[in-house]
Amino acid sequence: MKLKLDIDPDIVAMMAAEVTAGERAVSAAIREAGTGLKAAWRLQITSAGLGARLARTIRSEQFPKAKPSLNAATVVWSNAPVIVGAHDTGPLIRSKSGFWLAIPTPAAGKSLRGGRITPGEWERRTGLRLRFIYRRRGPSLLVAEGRLNTKGRAVASWSKTGRGLVTAPIFLLVPQVKLPKRLDLARDAERAHDAVPGLIVANWVEGKFCDEVKPAQGRRTTIAT
């Protein structure tokens, strides 16, 4: 007596197809999670009033790039990690030299290099000297004698009579500043992480359904979760 066993369909081919489907599903799920997290972080930044420019520093990239993989991963990061990280953690900021933090008032204007102007740059630009005024209550001051132009900025006065001359506060001096926490990046990261299993299943089922409706395949597979 001879026994002959035929397996139809081919088990090896079916397993290979399942691995391929899994690789595609995992890569698609990771891509969706990374793209969604990037969008969520950008929305947080703009909603916090930090501007679209800072939001655009959030980037994402998936690995591997060339082909689907069961070990797919995505990285989401910022090209301005110090600024974004500061608004995410709300740190206590102190002067590097251990003295004062100089916070410019509207009379100081803006730096020609962008951002906040420093006392040294302000003196070089205006030709005026800053004078220190200590206050027991409230921040101490760096003031200058000059006039205020139409934009409310302190400039040198050329009046011989002293008309319009004022003593204007140019910088507020404080020992430290507590930056308010305006972002919660970990919250969105956890949501993206928790969504990955569901995304994998959804992409796997969708991929299998697309395979089933192809006439050349001629087989059906049921996936249970």
Protein backbone atom coordinates (compact mmCIF):
# COMPACT_ATOMS: atom_id res chain seq x y z
CA MET A 1 0.00 0.00 0.00
CA LYS A 2 1.32 3.40 -0.95
CA LEU A 3 0.17 6.65 0.58
CA LYS A 4 0.61 9.95 -1.17
CA LEU A 5 0.04 13.26 0.61
CA ASP A 6 -0.52 16.41 -1.38
CA ILE A 7 -0.93 19.77 0.39
CA ASP A 8 -3.02 22.21 -1.56
CA PRO A 9 -2.36 25.09 -1.46
CA ASP A 10 1.42 25.11 -1.02
CA ILE A 11 2.13 25.75 2.70
CA VAL A 12 5.61 27.15 2.02
CA ALA A 13 4.24 29.60 -0.54
CA MET A 14 1.47 30.62 1.85
CA MET A 15 3.93 31.29 4.68
CA ALA A 16 6.19 33.28 2.38
CA ALA A 17 3.19 35.34 1.29
CA GLU A 18 2.23 35.95 4.92
CA VAL A 19 5.75 37.15 5.76
CA THR A 20 5.65 39.52 2.80
CA ALA A 21 2.25 40.81 3.86
CA GLY A 22 3.53 41.28 7.40
CA GLU A 23 6.55 43.24 6.22
CA ARG A 24 4.34 45.55 4.19
CA ALA A 25 1.85 45.98 7.03
CA VAL A 26 4.52 46.78 9.63
CA SER A 27 6.31 49.26 7.36
CA ALA A 28 3.05 50.99 6.44
CA ALA A 29 1.96 51.17 10.09
CA ILE A 30 5.30 52.62 11.20
CA ARG A 31 5.18 55.16 8.38
CA GLU A 32 1.67 56.26 9.38
CA ALA A 33 2.63 56.50 13.06
CA GLY A 34 5.71 58.59 12.29
CA THR A 35 3.88 60.92 9.93
CA GLY A 36 1.05 61.31 12.43
CA LEU A 37 3.44 62.10 15.27
CA LYS A 38 5.26 64.70 13.17
CA ALA A 39 1.95 66.38 12.36
CA ALA A 40 0.85 66.27 16.03
CA TRP A 41 4.08 67.86 17.25
CA ARG A 42 3.91 70.57 14.61
CA LEU A 43 0.31 71.31 15.61
CA GLN A 44 1.31 71.55 19.27
CA ILE A 45 4.03 74.07 18.47
CA THR A 46 1.83 76.32 16.35
CA SER A 47 -1.07 76.06 18.83
CA ALA A 48 1.30 77.18 21.61
CA GLY A 49 2.04 80.33 19.63
CA LEU A 50 5.66 79.37 18.90
CA GLY A 51 5.33 79.92 15.17
CA ALA A 52 5.26 77.89 11.97
CA ARG A 53 9.01 78.27 11.49
CA LEU A 54 9.78 76.34 14.67
CA ALA A 55 7.07 73.80 13.80
CA ARG A 56 8.79 73.08 10.49
CA THR A 57 11.91 71.96 12.35
CA ILE A 58 10.03 68.75 13.25
CA ARG A 59 11.11 66.05 10.80
CA SER A 60 10.60 62.29 10.40
CA GLU A 61 12.44 59.51 8.61
CA GLN A 62 11.75 55.79 8.24
CA PHE A 63 14.19 52.87 8.24
CA PRO A 64 14.93 50.83 6.25
CA LYS A 65 14.26 53.04 3.26
CA ALA A 66 14.69 50.58 0.41
CA LYS A 67 12.23 47.80 1.25
CA PRO A 68 9.48 46.73 3.70
CA SER A 69 10.65 45.07 6.90
CA LEU A 70 9.26 43.45 10.03
CA ASN A 71 11.84 45.53 11.94
CA ALA A 72 10.80 48.88 10.43
CA ALA A 73 11.33 51.96 12.57
CA THR A 74 10.71 55.67 12.27
CA VAL A 75 12.52 58.57 13.91
CA VAL A 76 10.84 61.90 14.67
CA TRP A 77 13.06 64.77 15.77
CA SER A 78 13.55 68.54 15.71
CA ASN A 79 16.32 70.48 14.01
CA ALA A 80 16.05 72.95 16.89
CA PRO A 81 16.19 70.54 19.86
CA VAL A 82 17.34 73.09 22.43
CA ILE A 83 14.44 75.48 21.79
CA VAL A 84 11.79 72.78 21.45
CA GLY A 85 13.16 70.89 24.44
CA ALA A 86 13.09 74.01 26.60
CA HIS A 87 9.40 74.62 25.86
CA ASP A 88 8.71 70.93 26.46
CA THR A 89 10.38 70.75 29.90
CA GLY A 90 9.98 74.31 31.23
CA PRO A 91 13.52 74.63 32.67
CA LEU A 92 14.92 77.13 35.14
CA ILE A 93 17.31 79.40 33.22
CA ARG A 94 20.26 81.07 34.93
CA SER A 95 23.05 83.26 33.64
CA LYS A 96 26.13 81.34 32.51
CA SER A 97 28.35 83.81 34.38
CA GLY A 98 26.32 83.47 37.56
CA PHE A 99 25.17 87.11 37.63
CA TRP A 100 22.13 88.51 35.82
CA LEU A 101 19.92 87.62 32.90
CA ALA A 102 19.35 90.72 30.76
CA ILE A 103 15.83 90.80 29.32
CA PRO A 104 15.41 93.57 26.71
CA THR A 105 12.46 95.94 26.98
CA PRO A 106 10.64 97.30 23.89
CA ALA A 107 12.94 100.35 24.08
CA ALA A 108 15.92 98.10 23.33
CA GLY A 109 14.70 96.99 19.92
CA LYS A 110 15.82 93.76 18.27
CA SER A 111 19.19 92.31 17.45
CA LEU A 112 20.52 92.82 13.93
CA ARG A 113 21.41 89.11 13.96
CA GLY A 114 17.88 88.05 14.91
CA GLY A 115 16.54 87.20 18.34
CA ARG A 116 17.10 89.18 21.52
CA ILE A 117 19.66 91.94 21.66
CA THR A 118 22.40 91.86 24.32
CA PRO A 119 23.59 94.86 26.39
CA GLY A 120 26.96 94.85 24.61
CA GLU A 121 25.39 94.89 21.14
CA TRP A 122 22.97 97.63 22.19
CA GLU A 123 25.79 99.91 23.40
CA ARG A 124 27.81 99.34 20.20
CA ARG A 125 24.82 100.04 17.99
CA THR A 126 23.54 103.18 19.73
CA GLY A 127 26.76 104.65 21.09
CA LEU A 128 25.05 105.12 24.47
CA ARG A 129 26.22 103.79 27.81
CA LEU A 130 24.03 101.67 30.03
CA ARG A 131 23.76 102.48 33.71
CA PHE A 132 22.98 99.91 36.39
CA ILE A 133 20.17 100.63 38.86
CA TYR A 134 19.68 98.18 41.71
CA ARG A 135 16.17 97.65 43.06
CA ARG A 136 15.44 95.69 46.20
CA ARG A 137 11.96 94.78 45.00
CA GLY A 138 11.42 93.78 41.42
CA PRO A 139 14.07 93.37 38.76
CA SER A 140 17.08 95.65 38.66
CA LEU A 141 17.57 97.78 35.55
CA LEU A 142 20.03 98.84 32.89
CA VAL A 143 18.98 102.32 31.79
CA ALA A 144 20.25 104.89 29.32
CA GLU A 145 19.78 108.63 28.81
CA GLY A 146 18.46 109.42 25.37
CA ARG A 147 15.21 109.97 23.52
CA LEU A 148 12.50 107.63 22.30
CA ASN A 149 11.91 107.59 18.54
CA THR A 150 8.56 107.08 16.84
CA LYS A 151 8.89 103.30 17.29
CA GLY A 152 9.42 103.65 21.04
CA ARG A 153 13.11 102.69 20.88
CA ALA A 154 15.81 104.51 22.80
CA VAL A 155 18.31 106.39 20.61
CA ALA A 156 20.93 109.08 21.14
CA SER A 157 19.65 112.63 21.58
CA TRP A 158 21.33 115.46 19.66
CA SER A 159 19.27 118.19 21.30
CA LYS A 160 21.42 120.92 22.87
CA THR A 161 18.60 121.99 25.14
CA GLY A 162 17.89 118.52 26.48
CA ARG A 163 14.38 118.57 25.11
CA GLY A 164 12.87 115.09 24.92
CA LEU A 165 15.70 113.57 26.95
CA VAL A 166 14.53 110.65 29.07
CA THR A 167 16.02 107.94 31.25
CA ALA A 168 14.70 104.81 29.60
CA PRO A 169 14.84 101.25 31.02
CA ILE A 170 16.60 99.21 28.32
CA PHE A 171 17.06 95.87 30.10
CA LEU A 172 15.46 94.15 33.06
CA LEU A 173 17.97 92.22 35.17
CA VAL A 174 16.85 89.05 36.94
CA PRO A 175 18.90 86.26 38.56
CA GLN A 176 16.88 83.50 36.88
CA VAL A 177 13.81 82.84 34.76
CA LYS A 178 11.42 79.89 34.91
CA LEU A 179 10.36 79.11 31.36
CA PRO A 180 6.71 77.96 31.27
CA LYS A 181 6.06 74.47 29.95
CA ARG A 182 4.13 74.99 26.73
CA LEU A 183 4.47 71.60 25.05
CA ASP A 184 3.79 67.98 25.97
CA LEU A 185 5.63 65.97 23.32
CA ALA A 186 5.62 62.75 25.36
CA ARG A 187 1.81 62.67 25.30
CA ASP A 188 1.65 62.52 21.51
CA ALA A 189 4.58 60.09 21.36
CA GLU A 190 2.78 57.67 23.66
CA ARG A 191 -0.39 57.92 21.58
CA ALA A 192 1.55 57.18 18.40
CA HIS A 193 3.27 54.22 20.07
CA ASP A 194 -0.02 52.78 21.35
CA ALA A 195 -1.61 53.10 17.90
CA VAL A 196 1.02 50.96 16.13
CA PRO A 197 -0.54 47.48 16.80
CA GLY A 198 -3.90 48.59 15.44
CA LEU A 199 -2.27 50.16 12.40
CA ILE A 200 -0.37 46.94 11.69
CA VAL A 201 -3.57 44.86 11.80
CA ALA A 202 -5.47 47.37 9.67
CA ASN A 203 -2.76 47.46 7.01
CA TRP A 204 -2.35 43.67 7.08
CA VAL A 205 -6.07 43.07 6.59
CA GLU A 206 -6.25 45.70 3.85
CA GLY A 207 -3.27 44.15 2.07
CA LYS A 208 -4.73 40.65 2.28
CA PHE A 209 -8.09 41.86 0.99
CA CYS A 210 -6.39 43.44 -2.02
CA ASP A 211 -4.59 40.14 -2.69
CA GLU A 212 -7.84 38.17 -2.44
CA VAL A 213 -9.61 40.18 -5.12
CA LYS A 214 -6.80 39.60 -7.63
CA PRO A 215 -7.95 36.79 -10.03
CA ALA A 216 -4.43 35.37 -10.40
CA GLN A 217 -4.12 34.44 -6.74
CA GLY A 218 -7.02 32.00 -6.37
CA ARG A 219 -6.76 31.59 -2.60
CA ARG A 220 -8.34 33.02 0.52
CA THR A 221 -6.81 33.65 3.92
CA THR A 222 -8.57 34.60 7.10
CA ILE A 223 -6.69 36.70 9.70
CA ALA A 224 -8.05 36.70 13.24
CA THR A 225 -7.00 39.25 15.85
